[in-house]
Amino acid sequence: MEVVTIDRNLENLKQRLHTERPVPWEQFPDIDLYMDQVLSYMPRQQVASDGDDQLTASMVNNYIKEGVLAHANGKKYTREHLAFLTAISHLKRVLSVKDTGLLLRLASADEAVEPFYTAYASLVDRAFEDVLGHLPDAEDTRALAETALRLAVTSYANQIACQRLLDLMREEDPAPQKRPRKKGPEE
């Protein structure tokens, strides 16, 4: 019975990692959304999430206060906001809000939001396909443990490298730490 459950859950994980992706830019709503609409929209941007990391209004307000996200236009949020909230909601699992803000500001500095988001979504796609290539076909606990250990150690190594790169960028960054994002052409 346990092997069947593991098999079913492993296949479910593989299916979710293979099919669930943030929507392409063109599929974002073409109208601005109020906060409650943003909060109900964002779970579909969470790849393979079990809902344990729901976005809240206070989180959005904190991102704005920290300068990671631009202020709403009145009380409405644009597709640019949705694009950055997608990246923020993914990166918050591995980076602080401060580091997320620095990284997103520097990574998107020289381009409009649409090409940045398209490149970001492509990175997510490649990363998930890479992880899928490492998942075992075997259902036994030892194979799962070996794969989980390899993924954890890889995450550890990636975290070390990411943090050092962020430190280097922070040293070279002339901008103050709390700086509101520049508004895009549609904001």
N, C-alpha and C. Protein backbone atom coordinates (compact mmCIF):
# COMPACT_ATOMS: atom_id res chain seq x y z
N MET A 1 0.82 -1.20 0.00
CA MET A 1 0.00 0.00 0.00
C MET A 1 0.86 1.27 0.00
N GLU A 2 1.96 1.24 0.79
CA GLU A 2 2.82 2.40 0.88
C GLU A 2 3.52 2.68 -0.46
N VAL A 3 3.98 1.66 -1.16
CA VAL A 3 4.65 1.83 -2.45
C VAL A 3 3.68 2.44 -3.47
N VAL A 4 2.44 2.03 -3.45
CA VAL A 4 1.44 2.58 -4.37
C VAL A 4 1.25 4.07 -4.10
N THR A 5 1.20 4.45 -2.81
CA THR A 5 1.04 5.86 -2.46
C THR A 5 2.25 6.66 -2.90
N ILE A 6 3.46 6.13 -2.65
CA ILE A 6 4.68 6.81 -3.08
C ILE A 6 4.68 6.95 -4.60
N ASP A 7 4.36 5.89 -5.30
CA ASP A 7 4.33 5.90 -6.76
C ASP A 7 3.36 6.96 -7.27
N ARG A 8 2.17 6.98 -6.70
CA ARG A 8 1.14 7.94 -7.13
C ARG A 8 1.59 9.37 -6.83
N ASN A 9 2.16 9.60 -5.65
CA ASN A 9 2.62 10.94 -5.28
C ASN A 9 3.81 11.38 -6.12
N LEU A 10 4.72 10.46 -6.43
CA LEU A 10 5.86 10.79 -7.28
C LEU A 10 5.39 11.15 -8.69
N GLU A 11 4.47 10.38 -9.22
CA GLU A 11 3.93 10.68 -10.55
C GLU A 11 3.18 12.00 -10.54
N ASN A 12 2.46 12.26 -9.46
CA ASN A 12 1.75 13.53 -9.34
C ASN A 12 2.75 14.69 -9.34
N LEU A 13 3.84 14.56 -8.57
CA LEU A 13 4.87 15.59 -8.55
C LEU A 13 5.46 15.80 -9.94
N LYS A 14 5.80 14.73 -10.61
CA LYS A 14 6.37 14.83 -11.96
C LYS A 14 5.40 15.53 -12.91
N GLN A 15 4.14 15.16 -12.84
CA GLN A 15 3.13 15.78 -13.71
C GLN A 15 3.02 17.28 -13.43
N ARG A 16 2.98 17.64 -12.16
CA ARG A 16 2.88 19.05 -11.79
C ARG A 16 4.11 19.83 -12.23
N LEU A 17 5.30 19.25 -12.02
CA LEU A 17 6.52 19.94 -12.43
C LEU A 17 6.60 20.06 -13.96
N HIS A 18 6.00 19.13 -14.65
CA HIS A 18 6.02 19.15 -16.10
C HIS A 18 5.00 20.13 -16.69
N THR A 19 3.86 20.28 -16.05
CA THR A 19 2.78 21.06 -16.66
C THR A 19 2.53 22.42 -16.03
N GLU A 20 2.76 22.57 -14.74
CA GLU A 20 2.43 23.83 -14.08
C GLU A 20 3.55 24.84 -14.28
N ARG A 21 3.18 25.98 -14.82
CA ARG A 21 4.12 27.07 -15.05
C ARG A 21 3.38 28.38 -14.85
N PRO A 22 4.14 29.43 -14.53
CA PRO A 22 3.50 30.75 -14.53
C PRO A 22 2.97 31.04 -15.94
N VAL A 23 1.89 31.77 -16.01
CA VAL A 23 1.31 32.05 -17.33
C VAL A 23 2.24 32.91 -18.15
N PRO A 24 2.21 32.76 -19.47
CA PRO A 24 2.97 33.67 -20.32
C PRO A 24 2.43 35.10 -20.19
N TRP A 25 3.24 36.06 -20.51
CA TRP A 25 2.88 37.47 -20.40
C TRP A 25 1.53 37.76 -21.05
N GLU A 26 1.31 37.20 -22.22
CA GLU A 26 0.09 37.49 -22.98
C GLU A 26 -1.17 37.00 -22.26
N GLN A 27 -1.03 36.08 -21.33
CA GLN A 27 -2.19 35.54 -20.63
C GLN A 27 -2.49 36.25 -19.32
N PHE A 28 -1.67 37.22 -18.95
CA PHE A 28 -2.03 38.04 -17.79
C PHE A 28 -3.30 38.80 -18.12
N PRO A 29 -4.11 39.11 -17.12
CA PRO A 29 -5.32 39.92 -17.39
C PRO A 29 -4.93 41.24 -18.05
N ASP A 30 -5.71 41.66 -19.01
CA ASP A 30 -5.40 42.92 -19.70
C ASP A 30 -6.11 44.10 -19.05
N ILE A 31 -6.70 43.88 -17.90
CA ILE A 31 -7.28 44.96 -17.11
C ILE A 31 -6.57 44.98 -15.76
N ASP A 32 -6.55 46.14 -15.14
CA ASP A 32 -5.93 46.26 -13.82
C ASP A 32 -6.83 45.61 -12.77
N LEU A 33 -6.22 45.07 -11.73
CA LEU A 33 -6.95 44.32 -10.71
C LEU A 33 -6.86 45.01 -9.35
N TYR A 34 -7.92 44.86 -8.58
CA TYR A 34 -7.89 45.29 -7.18
C TYR A 34 -7.17 44.24 -6.36
N MET A 35 -6.77 44.60 -5.15
CA MET A 35 -5.99 43.70 -4.29
C MET A 35 -6.64 42.33 -4.14
N ASP A 36 -7.94 42.28 -3.85
CA ASP A 36 -8.58 40.98 -3.65
C ASP A 36 -8.53 40.12 -4.92
N GLN A 37 -8.60 40.77 -6.08
CA GLN A 37 -8.48 40.04 -7.34
C GLN A 37 -7.05 39.53 -7.54
N VAL A 38 -6.07 40.34 -7.17
CA VAL A 38 -4.66 39.93 -7.26
C VAL A 38 -4.44 38.70 -6.38
N LEU A 39 -4.95 38.76 -5.15
CA LEU A 39 -4.75 37.66 -4.21
C LEU A 39 -5.42 36.37 -4.68
N SER A 40 -6.54 36.49 -5.37
CA SER A 40 -7.19 35.28 -5.88
C SER A 40 -6.54 34.81 -7.19
N TYR A 41 -5.86 35.70 -7.90
CA TYR A 41 -5.19 35.34 -9.15
C TYR A 41 -3.85 34.64 -8.92
N MET A 42 -3.10 35.11 -7.94
CA MET A 42 -1.71 34.69 -7.77
C MET A 42 -1.50 33.20 -7.49
N PRO A 43 -2.41 32.47 -6.84
CA PRO A 43 -2.12 31.04 -6.63
C PRO A 43 -1.87 30.26 -7.92
N ARG A 44 -2.44 30.69 -9.03
CA ARG A 44 -2.19 29.98 -10.28
C ARG A 44 -0.77 30.21 -10.80
N GLN A 45 -0.09 31.21 -10.25
CA GLN A 45 1.29 31.48 -10.62
C GLN A 45 2.27 30.67 -9.78
N GLN A 46 1.78 30.04 -8.74
CA GLN A 46 2.61 29.23 -7.86
C GLN A 46 2.78 27.84 -8.45
N VAL A 47 3.96 27.54 -8.87
CA VAL A 47 4.24 26.26 -9.51
C VAL A 47 4.32 25.17 -8.45
N ALA A 48 3.53 24.13 -8.65
CA ALA A 48 3.55 22.94 -7.79
C ALA A 48 3.42 23.27 -6.30
N SER A 49 2.64 24.29 -6.02
CA SER A 49 2.43 24.70 -4.63
C SER A 49 1.23 23.99 -4.05
N ASP A 50 1.31 23.74 -2.75
CA ASP A 50 0.17 23.13 -2.07
C ASP A 50 -0.62 24.17 -1.30
N GLY A 51 -0.43 25.43 -1.61
CA GLY A 51 -1.19 26.49 -0.99
C GLY A 51 -0.67 26.93 0.36
N ASP A 52 0.48 26.41 0.78
CA ASP A 52 1.01 26.78 2.09
C ASP A 52 1.76 28.11 2.08
N ASP A 53 1.89 28.71 0.92
CA ASP A 53 2.60 29.98 0.82
C ASP A 53 1.74 31.04 0.11
N GLN A 54 0.48 31.13 0.55
CA GLN A 54 -0.47 32.08 -0.04
C GLN A 54 0.02 33.51 0.13
N LEU A 55 -0.13 34.30 -0.91
CA LEU A 55 0.18 35.71 -0.87
C LEU A 55 -0.94 36.43 -0.12
N THR A 56 -0.57 37.38 0.73
CA THR A 56 -1.55 38.15 1.49
C THR A 56 -1.41 39.63 1.17
N ALA A 57 -2.42 40.39 1.50
CA ALA A 57 -2.38 41.84 1.29
C ALA A 57 -1.24 42.47 2.08
N SER A 58 -1.01 41.99 3.29
CA SER A 58 0.09 42.57 4.09
C SER A 58 1.44 42.26 3.46
N MET A 59 1.59 41.10 2.81
CA MET A 59 2.84 40.79 2.12
C MET A 59 3.05 41.75 0.95
N VAL A 60 2.00 41.97 0.17
CA VAL A 60 2.10 42.90 -0.96
C VAL A 60 2.47 44.29 -0.46
N ASN A 61 1.80 44.73 0.59
CA ASN A 61 2.09 46.06 1.15
C ASN A 61 3.53 46.13 1.66
N ASN A 62 4.03 45.05 2.23
CA ASN A 62 5.41 45.02 2.69
C ASN A 62 6.38 45.11 1.51
N TYR A 63 6.09 44.41 0.41
CA TYR A 63 6.94 44.49 -0.78
C TYR A 63 6.98 45.92 -1.32
N ILE A 64 5.85 46.60 -1.28
CA ILE A 64 5.80 47.99 -1.73
C ILE A 64 6.61 48.86 -0.78
N LYS A 65 6.40 48.68 0.51
CA LYS A 65 7.12 49.46 1.52
C LYS A 65 8.62 49.26 1.41
N GLU A 66 9.05 48.04 1.12
CA GLU A 66 10.48 47.74 1.00
C GLU A 66 11.06 48.17 -0.35
N GLY A 67 10.22 48.64 -1.27
CA GLY A 67 10.70 49.09 -2.57
C GLY A 67 10.92 47.96 -3.57
N VAL A 68 10.41 46.78 -3.26
CA VAL A 68 10.57 45.63 -4.15
C VAL A 68 9.51 45.65 -5.25
N LEU A 69 8.39 46.27 -4.96
CA LEU A 69 7.26 46.33 -5.89
C LEU A 69 6.78 47.77 -5.97
N ALA A 70 6.41 48.20 -7.17
CA ALA A 70 5.91 49.56 -7.36
C ALA A 70 4.55 49.73 -6.69
N HIS A 71 4.25 50.95 -6.31
CA HIS A 71 2.94 51.25 -5.74
C HIS A 71 1.86 50.95 -6.77
N ALA A 72 0.69 50.61 -6.27
CA ALA A 72 -0.46 50.38 -7.15
C ALA A 72 -0.85 51.69 -7.82
N ASN A 73 -1.50 51.59 -8.95
CA ASN A 73 -2.05 52.76 -9.63
C ASN A 73 -3.42 53.03 -9.02
N GLY A 74 -3.47 53.95 -8.09
CA GLY A 74 -4.69 54.10 -7.31
C GLY A 74 -4.78 52.89 -6.42
N LYS A 75 -5.78 52.09 -6.62
CA LYS A 75 -5.92 50.84 -5.87
C LYS A 75 -5.84 49.63 -6.79
N LYS A 76 -5.34 49.86 -8.01
CA LYS A 76 -5.30 48.79 -9.00
C LYS A 76 -3.87 48.38 -9.33
N TYR A 77 -3.75 47.08 -9.63
CA TYR A 77 -2.46 46.48 -9.95
C TYR A 77 -2.46 46.03 -11.41
N THR A 78 -1.36 46.31 -12.09
CA THR A 78 -1.22 46.02 -13.51
C THR A 78 -0.57 44.66 -13.74
N ARG A 79 -0.48 44.29 -14.99
CA ARG A 79 0.22 43.05 -15.32
C ARG A 79 1.69 43.13 -14.94
N GLU A 80 2.27 44.33 -14.92
CA GLU A 80 3.64 44.48 -14.45
C GLU A 80 3.75 44.08 -12.98
N HIS A 81 2.76 44.50 -12.19
CA HIS A 81 2.73 44.09 -10.79
C HIS A 81 2.63 42.56 -10.68
N LEU A 82 1.76 41.97 -11.49
CA LEU A 82 1.59 40.51 -11.46
C LEU A 82 2.88 39.79 -11.83
N ALA A 83 3.60 40.33 -12.81
CA ALA A 83 4.86 39.72 -13.22
C ALA A 83 5.86 39.74 -12.08
N PHE A 84 6.01 40.88 -11.43
CA PHE A 84 6.97 40.96 -10.32
C PHE A 84 6.48 40.17 -9.11
N LEU A 85 5.18 40.17 -8.84
CA LEU A 85 4.67 39.36 -7.73
C LEU A 85 4.91 37.88 -7.98
N THR A 86 4.86 37.46 -9.22
CA THR A 86 5.16 36.06 -9.55
C THR A 86 6.60 35.74 -9.17
N ALA A 87 7.54 36.57 -9.63
CA ALA A 87 8.95 36.33 -9.31
C ALA A 87 9.20 36.44 -7.81
N ILE A 88 8.61 37.43 -7.17
CA ILE A 88 8.80 37.60 -5.73
C ILE A 88 8.29 36.38 -4.98
N SER A 89 7.11 35.90 -5.36
CA SER A 89 6.53 34.76 -4.64
C SER A 89 7.35 33.50 -4.80
N HIS A 90 8.05 33.36 -5.91
CA HIS A 90 8.95 32.22 -6.09
C HIS A 90 10.24 32.41 -5.29
N LEU A 91 10.82 33.57 -5.42
CA LEU A 91 12.14 33.82 -4.83
C LEU A 91 12.10 33.95 -3.32
N LYS A 92 10.94 34.30 -2.76
CA LYS A 92 10.86 34.48 -1.30
C LYS A 92 11.13 33.17 -0.56
N ARG A 93 11.02 32.05 -1.26
CA ARG A 93 11.30 30.76 -0.62
C ARG A 93 12.79 30.55 -0.39
N VAL A 94 13.62 31.31 -1.11
CA VAL A 94 15.07 31.10 -0.99
C VAL A 94 15.86 32.37 -0.70
N LEU A 95 15.23 33.53 -0.83
CA LEU A 95 15.93 34.80 -0.60
C LEU A 95 15.14 35.68 0.37
N SER A 96 15.83 36.58 1.02
CA SER A 96 15.15 37.57 1.84
C SER A 96 14.45 38.57 0.92
N VAL A 97 13.53 39.34 1.47
CA VAL A 97 12.84 40.37 0.68
C VAL A 97 13.86 41.38 0.17
N LYS A 98 14.81 41.74 1.02
CA LYS A 98 15.85 42.70 0.63
C LYS A 98 16.66 42.17 -0.55
N ASP A 99 17.11 40.91 -0.48
CA ASP A 99 17.89 40.33 -1.57
C ASP A 99 17.05 40.14 -2.82
N THR A 100 15.79 39.78 -2.66
CA THR A 100 14.88 39.65 -3.80
C THR A 100 14.75 40.99 -4.52
N GLY A 101 14.57 42.05 -3.74
CA GLY A 101 14.45 43.38 -4.34
C GLY A 101 15.68 43.78 -5.11
N LEU A 102 16.85 43.55 -4.52
CA LEU A 102 18.11 43.88 -5.19
C LEU A 102 18.24 43.10 -6.49
N LEU A 103 18.01 41.81 -6.41
CA LEU A 103 18.17 40.96 -7.58
C LEU A 103 17.19 41.34 -8.69
N LEU A 104 15.94 41.53 -8.36
CA LEU A 104 14.96 41.88 -9.39
C LEU A 104 15.22 43.26 -9.98
N ARG A 105 15.63 44.19 -9.15
CA ARG A 105 15.91 45.54 -9.65
C ARG A 105 17.09 45.51 -10.62
N LEU A 106 18.16 44.80 -10.25
CA LEU A 106 19.33 44.77 -11.12
C LEU A 106 19.11 43.89 -12.36
N ALA A 107 18.38 42.80 -12.21
CA ALA A 107 18.14 41.90 -13.34
C ALA A 107 17.20 42.51 -14.37
N SER A 108 16.34 43.42 -13.93
CA SER A 108 15.36 44.00 -14.86
C SER A 108 15.67 45.45 -15.19
N ALA A 109 16.82 45.97 -14.77
CA ALA A 109 17.11 47.40 -14.85
C ALA A 109 17.09 47.97 -16.26
N ASP A 110 17.57 47.23 -17.22
CA ASP A 110 17.75 47.80 -18.56
C ASP A 110 16.67 47.38 -19.55
N GLU A 111 15.58 46.84 -19.06
CA GLU A 111 14.56 46.41 -20.01
C GLU A 111 13.16 46.62 -19.44
N ALA A 112 12.21 46.59 -20.34
CA ALA A 112 10.81 46.70 -19.94
C ALA A 112 10.42 45.43 -19.18
N VAL A 113 9.30 45.48 -18.51
CA VAL A 113 8.88 44.36 -17.68
C VAL A 113 8.55 43.12 -18.52
N GLU A 114 7.92 43.29 -19.68
CA GLU A 114 7.53 42.12 -20.48
C GLU A 114 8.72 41.24 -20.86
N PRO A 115 9.79 41.77 -21.45
CA PRO A 115 10.92 40.89 -21.79
C PRO A 115 11.59 40.29 -20.55
N PHE A 116 11.64 41.06 -19.45
CA PHE A 116 12.19 40.52 -18.22
C PHE A 116 11.36 39.33 -17.75
N TYR A 117 10.05 39.49 -17.72
CA TYR A 117 9.18 38.41 -17.24
C TYR A 117 9.26 37.19 -18.16
N THR A 118 9.32 37.41 -19.45
CA THR A 118 9.42 36.31 -20.40
C THR A 118 10.71 35.52 -20.16
N ALA A 119 11.81 36.23 -19.94
CA ALA A 119 13.08 35.56 -19.64
C ALA A 119 13.00 34.83 -18.30
N TYR A 120 12.35 35.45 -17.32
CA TYR A 120 12.19 34.82 -16.01
C TYR A 120 11.38 33.53 -16.14
N ALA A 121 10.27 33.59 -16.85
CA ALA A 121 9.42 32.40 -17.02
C ALA A 121 10.19 31.29 -17.74
N SER A 122 11.05 31.66 -18.66
CA SER A 122 11.88 30.69 -19.36
C SER A 122 12.88 30.03 -18.40
N LEU A 123 13.44 30.82 -17.49
CA LEU A 123 14.34 30.26 -16.47
C LEU A 123 13.60 29.26 -15.58
N VAL A 124 12.39 29.60 -15.19
CA VAL A 124 11.57 28.69 -14.37
C VAL A 124 11.33 27.40 -15.13
N ASP A 125 10.99 27.52 -16.40
CA ASP A 125 10.72 26.34 -17.22
C ASP A 125 11.95 25.43 -17.30
N ARG A 126 13.10 26.02 -17.62
CA ARG A 126 14.34 25.22 -17.73
C ARG A 126 14.71 24.58 -16.39
N ALA A 127 14.55 25.31 -15.30
CA ALA A 127 14.89 24.77 -13.98
C ALA A 127 14.00 23.58 -13.63
N PHE A 128 12.70 23.68 -13.93
CA PHE A 128 11.80 22.58 -13.61
C PHE A 128 12.06 21.37 -14.51
N GLU A 129 12.36 21.61 -15.76
CA GLU A 129 12.69 20.50 -16.65
C GLU A 129 13.97 19.81 -16.19
N ASP A 130 14.93 20.60 -15.71
CA ASP A 130 16.18 20.02 -15.19
C ASP A 130 15.90 19.15 -13.96
N VAL A 131 15.07 19.65 -13.05
CA VAL A 131 14.72 18.87 -11.86
C VAL A 131 14.00 17.58 -12.27
N LEU A 132 13.10 17.69 -13.22
CA LEU A 132 12.39 16.50 -13.70
C LEU A 132 13.36 15.43 -14.19
N GLY A 133 14.42 15.85 -14.84
CA GLY A 133 15.41 14.91 -15.35
C GLY A 133 16.17 14.19 -14.25
N HIS A 134 16.12 14.70 -13.04
CA HIS A 134 16.83 14.08 -11.92
C HIS A 134 15.92 13.23 -11.03
N LEU A 135 14.63 13.32 -11.23
CA LEU A 135 13.72 12.54 -10.38
C LEU A 135 13.77 11.07 -10.77
N PRO A 136 13.76 10.20 -9.78
CA PRO A 136 13.88 8.76 -10.07
C PRO A 136 12.58 8.18 -10.63
N ASP A 137 12.75 7.10 -11.38
CA ASP A 137 11.58 6.35 -11.83
C ASP A 137 11.19 5.33 -10.77
N ALA A 138 12.16 4.94 -9.96
CA ALA A 138 11.91 3.93 -8.93
C ALA A 138 11.11 4.53 -7.79
N GLU A 139 10.31 3.70 -7.19
CA GLU A 139 9.45 4.16 -6.11
C GLU A 139 10.05 3.86 -4.75
N ASP A 140 11.20 3.17 -4.69
CA ASP A 140 11.71 2.76 -3.39
C ASP A 140 12.26 3.96 -2.61
N THR A 141 12.18 3.85 -1.31
CA THR A 141 12.55 4.93 -0.41
C THR A 141 14.01 5.31 -0.56
N ARG A 142 14.87 4.35 -0.78
CA ARG A 142 16.31 4.66 -0.92
C ARG A 142 16.55 5.55 -2.14
N ALA A 143 15.94 5.25 -3.27
CA ALA A 143 16.12 6.07 -4.48
C ALA A 143 15.58 7.48 -4.24
N LEU A 144 14.44 7.56 -3.56
CA LEU A 144 13.88 8.87 -3.24
C LEU A 144 14.80 9.64 -2.31
N ALA A 145 15.35 8.95 -1.31
CA ALA A 145 16.25 9.60 -0.35
C ALA A 145 17.52 10.10 -1.04
N GLU A 146 18.08 9.29 -1.93
CA GLU A 146 19.29 9.69 -2.65
C GLU A 146 19.02 10.91 -3.53
N THR A 147 17.87 10.90 -4.20
CA THR A 147 17.51 12.04 -5.06
C THR A 147 17.26 13.28 -4.22
N ALA A 148 16.52 13.13 -3.13
CA ALA A 148 16.24 14.27 -2.26
C ALA A 148 17.53 14.84 -1.68
N LEU A 149 18.46 13.98 -1.30
CA LEU A 149 19.75 14.43 -0.77
C LEU A 149 20.53 15.19 -1.84
N ARG A 150 20.57 14.65 -3.06
CA ARG A 150 21.27 15.32 -4.16
C ARG A 150 20.65 16.69 -4.43
N LEU A 151 19.32 16.77 -4.45
CA LEU A 151 18.65 18.04 -4.68
C LEU A 151 18.92 19.03 -3.55
N ALA A 152 18.93 18.54 -2.31
CA ALA A 152 19.20 19.41 -1.16
C ALA A 152 20.62 19.95 -1.20
N VAL A 153 21.60 19.09 -1.51
CA VAL A 153 22.99 19.53 -1.57
C VAL A 153 23.17 20.51 -2.73
N THR A 154 22.52 20.24 -3.85
CA THR A 154 22.58 21.18 -4.97
C THR A 154 21.98 22.52 -4.58
N SER A 155 20.86 22.49 -3.86
CA SER A 155 20.24 23.74 -3.38
C SER A 155 21.20 24.49 -2.46
N TYR A 156 21.88 23.75 -1.58
CA TYR A 156 22.85 24.35 -0.68
C TYR A 156 23.97 25.04 -1.46
N ALA A 157 24.53 24.34 -2.43
CA ALA A 157 25.60 24.91 -3.25
C ALA A 157 25.10 26.12 -4.03
N ASN A 158 23.92 26.02 -4.59
CA ASN A 158 23.34 27.14 -5.33
C ASN A 158 23.10 28.33 -4.42
N GLN A 159 22.64 28.08 -3.19
CA GLN A 159 22.40 29.15 -2.23
C GLN A 159 23.69 29.88 -1.88
N ILE A 160 24.77 29.13 -1.68
CA ILE A 160 26.07 29.75 -1.38
C ILE A 160 26.50 30.65 -2.54
N ALA A 161 26.44 30.13 -3.75
CA ALA A 161 26.85 30.91 -4.93
C ALA A 161 25.95 32.12 -5.11
N CYS A 162 24.65 31.94 -4.97
CA CYS A 162 23.70 33.04 -5.13
C CYS A 162 23.98 34.13 -4.12
N GLN A 163 24.19 33.75 -2.87
CA GLN A 163 24.43 34.75 -1.82
C GLN A 163 25.70 35.53 -2.09
N ARG A 164 26.74 34.85 -2.55
CA ARG A 164 27.99 35.56 -2.85
C ARG A 164 27.82 36.51 -4.02
N LEU A 165 27.08 36.10 -5.05
CA LEU A 165 26.81 36.99 -6.17
C LEU A 165 26.00 38.21 -5.71
N LEU A 166 25.02 37.99 -4.86
CA LEU A 166 24.24 39.10 -4.31
C LEU A 166 25.14 40.05 -3.52
N ASP A 167 26.07 39.49 -2.73
CA ASP A 167 27.01 40.32 -1.98
C ASP A 167 27.85 41.18 -2.92
N LEU A 168 28.33 40.57 -4.00
CA LEU A 168 29.13 41.32 -4.99
C LEU A 168 28.30 42.42 -5.64
N MET A 169 27.06 42.12 -5.99
CA MET A 169 26.18 43.13 -6.60
C MET A 169 25.89 44.25 -5.60
N ARG A 170 25.68 43.89 -4.35
CA ARG A 170 25.39 44.89 -3.32
C ARG A 170 26.57 45.84 -3.15
N GLU A 171 27.80 45.32 -3.23
CA GLU A 171 29.00 46.16 -3.12
C GLU A 171 29.09 47.15 -4.27
N GLU A 172 28.66 46.75 -5.45
CA GLU A 172 28.75 47.59 -6.64
C GLU A 172 27.51 48.45 -6.87
N ASP A 173 26.44 48.20 -6.12
CA ASP A 173 25.17 48.88 -6.34
C ASP A 173 25.20 50.29 -5.74
N PRO A 174 25.11 51.30 -6.59
CA PRO A 174 25.14 52.67 -6.09
C PRO A 174 23.79 53.13 -5.53
N ALA A 175 22.74 52.39 -5.78
CA ALA A 175 21.40 52.81 -5.38
C ALA A 175 21.16 52.53 -3.90
N PRO A 176 20.32 53.31 -3.27
CA PRO A 176 19.96 53.01 -1.88
C PRO A 176 19.18 51.69 -1.82
N GLN A 177 19.21 51.03 -0.68
CA GLN A 177 18.56 49.73 -0.54
C GLN A 177 17.05 49.80 -0.70
N LYS A 178 16.41 50.84 -0.19
CA LYS A 178 14.96 50.95 -0.33
C LYS A 178 14.67 51.96 -1.42
N ARG A 179 14.40 51.46 -2.60
CA ARG A 179 14.11 52.33 -3.72
C ARG A 179 12.91 51.78 -4.45
N PRO A 180 11.83 52.55 -4.57
CA PRO A 180 10.67 52.04 -5.31
C PRO A 180 11.04 51.75 -6.75
N ARG A 181 10.44 50.70 -7.27
CA ARG A 181 10.69 50.32 -8.66
C ARG A 181 10.19 51.43 -9.57
N LYS A 182 10.92 51.64 -10.65
CA LYS A 182 10.45 52.56 -11.67
C LYS A 182 9.20 52.00 -12.31
N LYS A 183 8.27 52.86 -12.59
CA LYS A 183 7.05 52.41 -13.25
C LYS A 183 7.32 52.19 -14.72
N GLY A 184 6.73 51.14 -15.25
CA GLY A 184 6.88 50.83 -16.66
C GLY A 184 5.96 51.71 -17.49
N PRO A 185 5.98 51.54 -18.79
CA PRO A 185 5.17 52.37 -19.68
C PRO A 185 3.67 52.22 -19.45
N GLU A 186 3.24 51.05 -18.95
CA GLU A 186 1.81 50.84 -18.74
C GLU A 186 1.39 51.15 -17.31
N GLU A 187 2.35 51.52 -16.46
CA GLU A 187 2.01 51.78 -15.05
C GLU A 187 1.66 53.22 -14.82
